[in-house]
Amino acid sequence: MYFAALLARTEDGWEASDLELDDVESLSDLIELARSAAVDDDTVVALIEQEDAWFGVVRVDGEEDPRYFVSNASAADRSSYGSMLTKELLGGVDEDDELDELDLDGTEDGEDEPVAAYADEDDDSDDRTGSGSEPVPAGPLGDPRLLDDLGVGHKELMSLDGDALAEIADALGATEVLEAVR
């Protein structure tokens, strides 16, 4: 089971809206929905979680390139919506690729050993660029600093589990608006 919401920053705080994943067939669809929720091209944060298996954050700031973070890449990669994010982060997806079959309940078979693997903007190595046959790393993947300026530090983001979206919303000051759409 998935939960997804958009948090759009406004002059008065945050506005939340339920993110209809049925309308999302590609990563570009998700980005388009986030941009359409923006107030005056301000920040929009898309939050996606599949039960307690993984969560993802997509940050869109106006027309800048989106930024992504996934809490557990190997778990996310086994679900339709999570695989959109992991493929983007590993460089193996065209933004216009559509999901062939949506597995809305997700398949979380097997347990992987946790490994902290994330793309650091200062890291020039190609260790995590995935060639299709390489396994997706267990653990965090993406830009852990995408919420630093909003009150969720990268160390905190990487250590979240359980009800991570509630903790993110709390740090952003958006708990009430997120709970209203939950």
N, C-alpha and C. Protein backbone atom coordinates (compact mmCIF):
# COMPACT_ATOMS: atom_id res chain seq x y z
N MET A 1 0.84 -1.17 0.00
CA MET A 1 0.00 0.00 0.00
C MET A 1 0.88 1.24 0.00
N TYR A 2 0.54 2.16 -0.85
CA TYR A 2 1.30 3.40 -0.97
C TYR A 2 0.56 4.56 -0.33
N PHE A 3 1.33 5.52 0.15
CA PHE A 3 0.80 6.83 0.52
C PHE A 3 1.69 7.85 -0.17
N ALA A 4 1.06 8.84 -0.78
CA ALA A 4 1.83 9.89 -1.46
C ALA A 4 1.12 11.21 -1.28
N ALA A 5 1.90 12.26 -1.11
CA ALA A 5 1.34 13.60 -0.94
C ALA A 5 2.32 14.63 -1.49
N LEU A 6 1.77 15.76 -1.86
CA LEU A 6 2.57 16.90 -2.29
C LEU A 6 2.48 17.97 -1.21
N LEU A 7 3.61 18.52 -0.81
CA LEU A 7 3.66 19.65 0.09
C LEU A 7 4.20 20.84 -0.70
N ALA A 8 3.38 21.86 -0.85
CA ALA A 8 3.78 23.06 -1.59
C ALA A 8 4.00 24.20 -0.60
N ARG A 9 5.17 24.81 -0.67
CA ARG A 9 5.47 25.93 0.24
C ARG A 9 4.80 27.19 -0.28
N THR A 10 4.19 27.91 0.66
CA THR A 10 3.52 29.18 0.33
C THR A 10 4.03 30.24 1.30
N GLU A 11 3.58 31.47 1.13
CA GLU A 11 3.94 32.54 2.05
C GLU A 11 3.46 32.24 3.46
N ASP A 12 2.36 31.51 3.58
CA ASP A 12 1.74 31.22 4.88
C ASP A 12 2.13 29.86 5.46
N GLY A 13 3.06 29.18 4.87
CA GLY A 13 3.46 27.85 5.34
C GLY A 13 3.37 26.83 4.23
N TRP A 14 2.85 25.66 4.55
CA TRP A 14 2.76 24.57 3.60
C TRP A 14 1.31 24.23 3.31
N GLU A 15 1.04 23.87 2.06
CA GLU A 15 -0.26 23.32 1.65
C GLU A 15 -0.01 21.89 1.22
N ALA A 16 -0.88 20.99 1.62
CA ALA A 16 -0.74 19.59 1.24
C ALA A 16 -1.87 19.18 0.31
N SER A 17 -1.54 18.29 -0.60
CA SER A 17 -2.57 17.69 -1.45
C SER A 17 -2.23 16.22 -1.62
N ASP A 18 -3.26 15.43 -1.71
CA ASP A 18 -3.12 14.00 -1.92
C ASP A 18 -2.57 13.79 -3.33
N LEU A 19 -1.57 12.99 -3.47
CA LEU A 19 -0.98 12.71 -4.77
C LEU A 19 -1.62 11.45 -5.32
N GLU A 20 -2.39 11.59 -6.37
CA GLU A 20 -3.06 10.44 -7.00
C GLU A 20 -2.05 9.68 -7.85
N LEU A 21 -1.54 8.59 -7.31
CA LEU A 21 -0.55 7.81 -8.04
C LEU A 21 -1.13 7.12 -9.26
N ASP A 22 -2.46 6.99 -9.32
CA ASP A 22 -3.08 6.41 -10.51
C ASP A 22 -2.80 7.25 -11.75
N ASP A 23 -2.57 8.55 -11.54
CA ASP A 23 -2.29 9.46 -12.65
C ASP A 23 -0.81 9.51 -13.02
N VAL A 24 0.03 8.80 -12.28
CA VAL A 24 1.48 8.84 -12.49
C VAL A 24 1.92 7.58 -13.22
N GLU A 25 2.33 7.74 -14.46
CA GLU A 25 2.83 6.61 -15.24
C GLU A 25 4.32 6.72 -15.52
N SER A 26 4.90 7.88 -15.23
CA SER A 26 6.32 8.08 -15.45
C SER A 26 6.84 9.11 -14.46
N LEU A 27 8.13 9.20 -14.36
CA LEU A 27 8.74 10.19 -13.48
C LEU A 27 8.42 11.60 -13.95
N SER A 28 8.34 11.81 -15.25
CA SER A 28 7.99 13.14 -15.75
C SER A 28 6.56 13.52 -15.36
N ASP A 29 5.64 12.54 -15.25
CA ASP A 29 4.29 12.82 -14.76
C ASP A 29 4.33 13.31 -13.32
N LEU A 30 5.15 12.66 -12.50
CA LEU A 30 5.28 13.05 -11.10
C LEU A 30 5.83 14.48 -10.99
N ILE A 31 6.85 14.78 -11.77
CA ILE A 31 7.45 16.12 -11.76
C ILE A 31 6.44 17.16 -12.23
N GLU A 32 5.68 16.83 -13.26
CA GLU A 32 4.66 17.74 -13.78
C GLU A 32 3.58 18.03 -12.72
N LEU A 33 3.15 16.99 -12.01
CA LEU A 33 2.17 17.19 -10.93
C LEU A 33 2.74 18.08 -9.83
N ALA A 34 3.99 17.87 -9.48
CA ALA A 34 4.62 18.69 -8.45
C ALA A 34 4.71 20.14 -8.89
N ARG A 35 5.13 20.37 -10.12
CA ARG A 35 5.24 21.75 -10.62
C ARG A 35 3.88 22.42 -10.70
N SER A 36 2.84 21.65 -11.02
CA SER A 36 1.51 22.25 -11.11
C SER A 36 0.97 22.61 -9.72
N ALA A 37 1.48 22.00 -8.68
CA ALA A 37 1.04 22.30 -7.31
C ALA A 37 1.79 23.50 -6.72
N ALA A 38 2.86 23.93 -7.38
CA ALA A 38 3.69 25.02 -6.85
C ALA A 38 2.93 26.33 -6.82
N VAL A 39 3.20 27.11 -5.78
CA VAL A 39 2.65 28.45 -5.64
C VAL A 39 3.79 29.42 -5.98
N ASP A 40 3.62 30.18 -7.05
CA ASP A 40 4.65 31.14 -7.49
C ASP A 40 6.02 30.49 -7.68
N ASP A 41 6.07 29.31 -8.26
CA ASP A 41 7.32 28.59 -8.51
C ASP A 41 8.14 28.31 -7.25
N ASP A 42 7.49 28.27 -6.09
CA ASP A 42 8.18 27.97 -4.85
C ASP A 42 8.39 26.46 -4.74
N THR A 43 9.00 26.03 -3.68
CA THR A 43 9.36 24.63 -3.46
C THR A 43 8.14 23.73 -3.30
N VAL A 44 8.21 22.57 -3.94
CA VAL A 44 7.22 21.51 -3.74
C VAL A 44 7.99 20.24 -3.40
N VAL A 45 7.51 19.55 -2.38
CA VAL A 45 8.13 18.30 -1.96
C VAL A 45 7.09 17.20 -2.14
N ALA A 46 7.43 16.21 -2.97
CA ALA A 46 6.57 15.04 -3.14
C ALA A 46 7.09 13.96 -2.21
N LEU A 47 6.21 13.41 -1.42
CA LEU A 47 6.55 12.35 -0.47
C LEU A 47 5.81 11.08 -0.86
N ILE A 48 6.54 9.99 -0.96
CA ILE A 48 5.94 8.70 -1.31
C ILE A 48 6.47 7.68 -0.32
N GLU A 49 5.57 6.83 0.17
CA GLU A 49 6.03 5.76 1.04
C GLU A 49 5.24 4.50 0.75
N GLN A 50 5.92 3.39 0.89
CA GLN A 50 5.24 2.10 0.77
C GLN A 50 5.36 1.43 2.13
N GLU A 51 4.24 1.47 2.85
CA GLU A 51 4.18 0.97 4.21
C GLU A 51 5.43 1.40 4.95
N ASP A 52 6.11 0.51 5.64
CA ASP A 52 7.35 0.90 6.30
C ASP A 52 8.57 0.37 5.57
N ALA A 53 8.41 -0.06 4.31
CA ALA A 53 9.51 -0.65 3.56
C ALA A 53 10.49 0.39 3.03
N TRP A 54 9.96 1.52 2.53
CA TRP A 54 10.82 2.57 1.98
C TRP A 54 10.01 3.85 1.86
N PHE A 55 10.72 4.97 1.76
CA PHE A 55 10.08 6.24 1.44
C PHE A 55 10.96 6.98 0.45
N GLY A 56 10.32 7.83 -0.32
CA GLY A 56 11.04 8.63 -1.29
C GLY A 56 10.63 10.10 -1.18
N VAL A 57 11.58 10.98 -1.50
CA VAL A 57 11.33 12.41 -1.48
C VAL A 57 11.79 12.95 -2.84
N VAL A 58 10.92 13.73 -3.46
CA VAL A 58 11.27 14.42 -4.70
C VAL A 58 11.06 15.89 -4.42
N ARG A 59 12.09 16.69 -4.66
CA ARG A 59 12.00 18.13 -4.43
C ARG A 59 12.07 18.85 -5.76
N VAL A 60 11.10 19.73 -5.97
CA VAL A 60 11.04 20.53 -7.20
C VAL A 60 11.04 22.00 -6.79
N ASP A 61 12.00 22.74 -7.30
CA ASP A 61 12.10 24.18 -7.06
C ASP A 61 11.98 24.90 -8.39
N GLY A 62 10.79 25.38 -8.72
CA GLY A 62 10.57 26.08 -9.98
C GLY A 62 10.96 25.21 -11.16
N GLU A 63 11.76 25.77 -12.06
CA GLU A 63 12.18 25.04 -13.25
C GLU A 63 13.54 24.36 -13.10
N GLU A 64 14.10 24.42 -11.88
CA GLU A 64 15.38 23.74 -11.64
C GLU A 64 15.19 22.23 -11.77
N ASP A 65 16.29 21.51 -11.97
CA ASP A 65 16.22 20.06 -12.04
C ASP A 65 15.72 19.51 -10.71
N PRO A 66 14.84 18.53 -10.74
CA PRO A 66 14.34 17.91 -9.50
C PRO A 66 15.48 17.20 -8.78
N ARG A 67 15.31 17.05 -7.49
CA ARG A 67 16.27 16.32 -6.66
C ARG A 67 15.53 15.17 -6.00
N TYR A 68 16.23 14.05 -5.79
CA TYR A 68 15.59 12.82 -5.34
C TYR A 68 16.33 12.19 -4.16
N PHE A 69 15.58 11.48 -3.33
CA PHE A 69 16.16 10.69 -2.26
C PHE A 69 15.24 9.49 -2.03
N VAL A 70 15.83 8.32 -1.84
CA VAL A 70 15.10 7.09 -1.53
C VAL A 70 15.76 6.47 -0.30
N SER A 71 14.96 6.10 0.68
CA SER A 71 15.49 5.59 1.95
C SER A 71 16.12 4.20 1.82
N ASN A 72 15.55 3.34 0.99
CA ASN A 72 16.07 1.99 0.80
C ASN A 72 15.90 1.64 -0.67
N ALA A 73 16.96 1.81 -1.43
CA ALA A 73 16.89 1.67 -2.88
C ALA A 73 16.49 0.27 -3.31
N SER A 74 17.03 -0.76 -2.67
CA SER A 74 16.70 -2.12 -3.12
C SER A 74 15.23 -2.45 -2.87
N ALA A 75 14.68 -2.01 -1.74
CA ALA A 75 13.26 -2.23 -1.47
C ALA A 75 12.41 -1.41 -2.43
N ALA A 76 12.78 -0.17 -2.66
CA ALA A 76 12.02 0.70 -3.57
C ALA A 76 12.06 0.16 -5.00
N ASP A 77 13.18 -0.39 -5.39
CA ASP A 77 13.33 -0.88 -6.76
C ASP A 77 12.40 -2.05 -7.07
N ARG A 78 11.91 -2.72 -6.03
CA ARG A 78 10.99 -3.84 -6.22
C ARG A 78 9.54 -3.39 -6.30
N SER A 79 9.30 -2.09 -6.28
CA SER A 79 7.94 -1.58 -6.43
C SER A 79 7.90 -0.64 -7.63
N SER A 80 6.76 -0.52 -8.24
CA SER A 80 6.64 0.26 -9.47
C SER A 80 7.04 1.71 -9.31
N TYR A 81 6.51 2.37 -8.30
CA TYR A 81 6.81 3.79 -8.14
C TYR A 81 8.23 4.01 -7.64
N GLY A 82 8.68 3.15 -6.77
CA GLY A 82 10.05 3.25 -6.28
C GLY A 82 11.08 3.00 -7.37
N SER A 83 10.76 2.09 -8.28
CA SER A 83 11.72 1.80 -9.35
C SER A 83 11.91 2.99 -10.29
N MET A 84 10.87 3.84 -10.41
CA MET A 84 11.05 5.07 -11.21
C MET A 84 12.17 5.92 -10.61
N LEU A 85 12.17 6.02 -9.29
CA LEU A 85 13.17 6.84 -8.61
C LEU A 85 14.55 6.20 -8.64
N THR A 86 14.63 4.90 -8.36
CA THR A 86 15.94 4.26 -8.34
C THR A 86 16.57 4.25 -9.72
N LYS A 87 15.78 4.02 -10.75
CA LYS A 87 16.32 4.04 -12.10
C LYS A 87 16.85 5.43 -12.46
N GLU A 88 16.14 6.47 -12.06
CA GLU A 88 16.60 7.83 -12.30
C GLU A 88 17.91 8.09 -11.55
N LEU A 89 17.97 7.67 -10.31
CA LEU A 89 19.15 7.90 -9.49
C LEU A 89 20.36 7.11 -9.98
N LEU A 90 20.12 5.94 -10.55
CA LEU A 90 21.22 5.12 -11.05
C LEU A 90 21.53 5.39 -12.52
N GLY A 91 20.78 6.33 -13.12
CA GLY A 91 21.06 6.73 -14.49
C GLY A 91 20.56 5.78 -15.54
N GLY A 92 19.57 4.96 -15.22
CA GLY A 92 19.12 3.97 -16.19
C GLY A 92 17.72 4.17 -16.69
N VAL A 93 17.18 5.40 -16.68
CA VAL A 93 15.81 5.59 -17.14
C VAL A 93 15.72 6.87 -17.94
N ASP A 94 14.92 6.80 -18.98
CA ASP A 94 14.56 7.99 -19.75
C ASP A 94 13.33 8.56 -19.08
N GLU A 95 13.29 9.88 -18.85
CA GLU A 95 12.16 10.48 -18.12
C GLU A 95 10.82 10.15 -18.75
N ASP A 96 10.79 9.81 -20.03
CA ASP A 96 9.52 9.54 -20.69
C ASP A 96 9.15 8.06 -20.67
N ASP A 97 10.02 7.21 -20.06
CA ASP A 97 9.67 5.79 -19.94
C ASP A 97 8.43 5.66 -19.08
N GLU A 98 7.48 4.84 -19.54
CA GLU A 98 6.26 4.63 -18.77
C GLU A 98 6.36 3.31 -18.04
N LEU A 99 5.64 3.21 -16.97
CA LEU A 99 5.56 1.96 -16.24
C LEU A 99 4.66 1.03 -17.03
N ASP A 100 5.17 -0.17 -17.34
CA ASP A 100 4.38 -1.10 -18.11
C ASP A 100 3.23 -1.66 -17.29
N GLU A 101 3.55 -2.18 -16.14
CA GLU A 101 2.51 -2.73 -15.27
C GLU A 101 2.74 -2.20 -13.87
N LEU A 102 1.74 -1.58 -13.31
CA LEU A 102 1.86 -1.07 -11.95
C LEU A 102 1.56 -2.16 -10.96
N ASP A 103 2.47 -2.39 -10.04
CA ASP A 103 2.28 -3.35 -8.97
C ASP A 103 1.93 -2.55 -7.73
N LEU A 104 0.64 -2.22 -7.58
CA LEU A 104 0.23 -1.28 -6.56
C LEU A 104 0.40 -1.80 -5.14
N ASP A 105 0.47 -3.11 -4.95
CA ASP A 105 0.70 -3.58 -3.59
C ASP A 105 2.19 -3.78 -3.34
N GLY A 106 3.01 -3.68 -4.37
CA GLY A 106 4.47 -3.81 -4.23
C GLY A 106 4.85 -5.24 -3.92
N THR A 107 6.04 -5.59 -4.29
CA THR A 107 6.54 -6.91 -3.94
C THR A 107 7.85 -6.70 -3.21
N GLU A 108 7.84 -7.06 -1.99
CA GLU A 108 9.00 -6.86 -1.13
C GLU A 108 9.56 -8.22 -0.73
N ASP A 109 10.01 -9.02 -1.72
CA ASP A 109 10.52 -10.32 -1.36
C ASP A 109 12.02 -10.24 -1.09
N GLY A 110 12.43 -10.96 -0.06
CA GLY A 110 13.84 -11.03 0.28
C GLY A 110 14.28 -9.85 1.12
N GLU A 111 15.31 -10.06 1.89
CA GLU A 111 15.89 -9.01 2.71
C GLU A 111 17.32 -8.82 2.26
N ASP A 112 17.72 -7.59 2.10
CA ASP A 112 19.10 -7.29 1.74
C ASP A 112 19.83 -6.76 2.96
N GLU A 113 21.13 -6.98 2.96
CA GLU A 113 21.95 -6.45 4.04
C GLU A 113 22.06 -4.94 3.87
N PRO A 114 21.84 -4.17 4.92
CA PRO A 114 21.86 -2.72 4.77
C PRO A 114 23.25 -2.19 4.43
N VAL A 115 23.29 -1.32 3.45
CA VAL A 115 24.51 -0.65 3.04
C VAL A 115 24.16 0.81 2.80
N ALA A 116 24.90 1.72 3.36
CA ALA A 116 24.63 3.14 3.14
C ALA A 116 25.25 3.53 1.82
N ALA A 117 24.42 3.69 0.81
CA ALA A 117 24.91 4.08 -0.52
C ALA A 117 24.08 5.23 -1.02
N TYR A 118 24.69 6.38 -1.16
CA TYR A 118 23.96 7.51 -1.70
C TYR A 118 24.89 8.32 -2.57
N ALA A 119 24.28 9.01 -3.51
CA ALA A 119 25.06 9.82 -4.44
C ALA A 119 25.37 11.15 -3.77
N ASP A 120 26.61 11.35 -3.43
CA ASP A 120 27.06 12.60 -2.85
C ASP A 120 27.48 13.51 -3.98
N GLU A 121 27.04 14.75 -3.97
CA GLU A 121 27.35 15.64 -5.08
C GLU A 121 28.84 15.84 -5.27
N ASP A 122 29.65 15.60 -4.22
CA ASP A 122 31.09 15.77 -4.35
C ASP A 122 31.78 14.48 -4.76
N ASP A 123 31.04 13.39 -4.90
CA ASP A 123 31.61 12.09 -5.23
C ASP A 123 31.64 11.92 -6.74
N ASP A 124 32.84 11.71 -7.27
CA ASP A 124 32.99 11.56 -8.73
C ASP A 124 33.04 10.11 -9.15
N SER A 125 32.91 9.17 -8.23
CA SER A 125 33.03 7.76 -8.60
C SER A 125 31.79 7.27 -9.33
N ASP A 126 31.99 6.20 -10.09
CA ASP A 126 30.90 5.61 -10.86
C ASP A 126 30.39 4.34 -10.21
N ASP A 127 30.69 4.13 -8.92
CA ASP A 127 30.34 2.89 -8.24
C ASP A 127 28.86 2.57 -8.26
N ARG A 128 27.99 3.58 -8.26
CA ARG A 128 26.56 3.33 -8.10
C ARG A 128 25.77 3.67 -9.35
N THR A 129 26.39 3.64 -10.50
CA THR A 129 25.67 4.06 -11.70
C THR A 129 24.91 2.93 -12.38
N GLY A 130 24.95 1.74 -11.85
CA GLY A 130 24.12 0.64 -12.34
C GLY A 130 24.14 0.44 -13.84
N SER A 131 24.43 -0.76 -14.28
CA SER A 131 24.46 -1.04 -15.71
C SER A 131 23.32 -1.96 -16.11
N GLY A 132 22.32 -2.03 -15.30
CA GLY A 132 21.19 -2.90 -15.60
C GLY A 132 21.35 -4.24 -14.94
N SER A 133 22.59 -4.81 -14.92
CA SER A 133 22.79 -6.09 -14.28
C SER A 133 23.34 -5.93 -12.87
N GLU A 134 23.83 -4.75 -12.53
CA GLU A 134 24.32 -4.51 -11.18
C GLU A 134 23.15 -4.45 -10.22
N PRO A 135 23.32 -5.00 -9.02
CA PRO A 135 22.24 -4.91 -8.04
C PRO A 135 22.07 -3.48 -7.54
N VAL A 136 20.85 -3.15 -7.23
CA VAL A 136 20.56 -1.85 -6.65
C VAL A 136 21.01 -1.90 -5.20
N PRO A 137 21.75 -0.90 -4.74
CA PRO A 137 22.25 -0.96 -3.36
C PRO A 137 21.12 -0.91 -2.33
N ALA A 138 21.32 -1.64 -1.25
CA ALA A 138 20.39 -1.54 -0.11
C ALA A 138 20.75 -0.27 0.63
N GLY A 139 19.77 0.35 1.22
CA GLY A 139 20.03 1.57 1.98
C GLY A 139 19.73 2.81 1.16
N PRO A 140 20.07 3.96 1.72
CA PRO A 140 19.73 5.24 1.09
C PRO A 140 20.42 5.45 -0.26
N LEU A 141 19.72 6.18 -1.14
CA LEU A 141 20.26 6.51 -2.45
C LEU A 141 19.71 7.87 -2.85
N GLY A 142 20.53 8.71 -3.40
CA GLY A 142 20.09 10.02 -3.87
C GLY A 142 20.78 11.13 -3.14
N ASP A 143 20.13 12.27 -3.09
CA ASP A 143 20.68 13.48 -2.49
C ASP A 143 20.15 13.64 -1.07
N PRO A 144 20.92 13.22 -0.06
CA PRO A 144 20.43 13.31 1.30
C PRO A 144 20.35 14.75 1.82
N ARG A 145 20.90 15.69 1.07
CA ARG A 145 20.89 17.09 1.49
C ARG A 145 19.73 17.90 0.90
N LEU A 146 18.80 17.23 0.21
CA LEU A 146 17.75 17.96 -0.47
C LEU A 146 16.79 18.71 0.44
N LEU A 147 16.76 18.36 1.72
CA LEU A 147 15.88 19.06 2.66
C LEU A 147 16.65 19.83 3.74
N ASP A 148 17.98 19.90 3.62
CA ASP A 148 18.81 20.58 4.62
C ASP A 148 18.30 21.99 4.93
N ASP A 149 18.02 22.77 3.89
CA ASP A 149 17.60 24.16 4.09
C ASP A 149 16.17 24.29 4.60
N LEU A 150 15.45 23.17 4.65
CA LEU A 150 14.06 23.19 5.12
C LEU A 150 13.92 22.63 6.54
N GLY A 151 15.04 22.28 7.16
CA GLY A 151 15.00 21.82 8.55
C GLY A 151 15.18 20.33 8.76
N VAL A 152 15.40 19.57 7.69
CA VAL A 152 15.66 18.14 7.82
C VAL A 152 17.09 17.90 7.34
N GLY A 153 18.00 17.76 8.29
CA GLY A 153 19.40 17.55 7.95
C GLY A 153 19.63 16.21 7.27
N HIS A 154 20.73 16.13 6.52
CA HIS A 154 21.00 14.91 5.76
C HIS A 154 21.22 13.69 6.66
N LYS A 155 21.85 13.86 7.81
CA LYS A 155 22.05 12.72 8.71
C LYS A 155 20.71 12.24 9.26
N GLU A 156 19.84 13.19 9.59
CA GLU A 156 18.52 12.84 10.09
C GLU A 156 17.71 12.12 9.01
N LEU A 157 17.75 12.65 7.77
CA LEU A 157 16.99 12.04 6.67
C LEU A 157 17.44 10.61 6.43
N MET A 158 18.74 10.38 6.47
CA MET A 158 19.26 9.05 6.19
C MET A 158 18.97 8.05 7.32
N SER A 159 18.68 8.54 8.52
CA SER A 159 18.43 7.62 9.62
C SER A 159 16.95 7.40 9.90
N LEU A 160 16.07 8.07 9.17
CA LEU A 160 14.63 7.92 9.40
C LEU A 160 14.14 6.54 8.98
N ASP A 161 13.23 6.01 9.77
CA ASP A 161 12.48 4.81 9.38
C ASP A 161 11.17 4.85 10.15
N GLY A 162 10.36 3.85 10.01
CA GLY A 162 9.04 3.89 10.65
C GLY A 162 8.16 4.90 9.93
N ASP A 163 7.59 5.82 10.66
CA ASP A 163 6.73 6.83 10.04
C ASP A 163 7.56 8.05 9.64
N ALA A 164 8.44 7.85 8.69
CA ALA A 164 9.39 8.88 8.25
C ALA A 164 8.69 10.11 7.71
N LEU A 165 7.60 9.93 6.97
CA LEU A 165 6.92 11.09 6.38
C LEU A 165 6.35 12.01 7.45
N ALA A 166 5.87 11.44 8.54
CA ALA A 166 5.38 12.26 9.65
C ALA A 166 6.52 13.05 10.28
N GLU A 167 7.69 12.43 10.41
CA GLU A 167 8.84 13.11 10.98
C GLU A 167 9.33 14.22 10.06
N ILE A 168 9.31 13.98 8.76
CA ILE A 168 9.69 15.02 7.80
C ILE A 168 8.70 16.18 7.88
N ALA A 169 7.41 15.86 7.88
CA ALA A 169 6.38 16.89 7.96
C ALA A 169 6.52 17.70 9.25
N ASP A 170 6.83 17.04 10.35
CA ASP A 170 7.01 17.72 11.62
C ASP A 170 8.17 18.72 11.53
N ALA A 171 9.28 18.30 10.96
CA ALA A 171 10.44 19.19 10.82
C ALA A 171 10.15 20.37 9.90
N LEU A 172 9.29 20.15 8.90
CA LEU A 172 8.93 21.22 7.97
C LEU A 172 7.85 22.14 8.55
N GLY A 173 7.22 21.71 9.63
CA GLY A 173 6.10 22.47 10.19
C GLY A 173 4.82 22.23 9.41
N ALA A 174 4.70 21.03 8.84
CA ALA A 174 3.56 20.72 7.99
C ALA A 174 2.78 19.50 8.47
N THR A 175 2.90 19.17 9.75
CA THR A 175 2.25 17.97 10.28
C THR A 175 0.74 18.00 10.09
N GLU A 176 0.12 19.11 10.46
CA GLU A 176 -1.35 19.19 10.37
C GLU A 176 -1.85 19.07 8.94
N VAL A 177 -1.19 19.74 7.99
CA VAL A 177 -1.66 19.68 6.61
C VAL A 177 -1.42 18.31 5.99
N LEU A 178 -0.32 17.64 6.38
CA LEU A 178 -0.08 16.30 5.86
C LEU A 178 -1.10 15.32 6.43
N GLU A 179 -1.37 15.41 7.71
CA GLU A 179 -2.35 14.51 8.33
C GLU A 179 -3.75 14.72 7.75
N ALA A 180 -4.03 15.93 7.29
CA ALA A 180 -5.35 16.21 6.70
C ALA A 180 -5.57 15.44 5.40
N VAL A 181 -4.50 15.11 4.68
CA VAL A 181 -4.65 14.36 3.43
C VAL A 181 -4.33 12.88 3.59
N ARG A 182 -3.85 12.49 4.74
CA ARG A 182 -3.46 11.09 4.97
C ARG A 182 -4.67 10.21 5.05
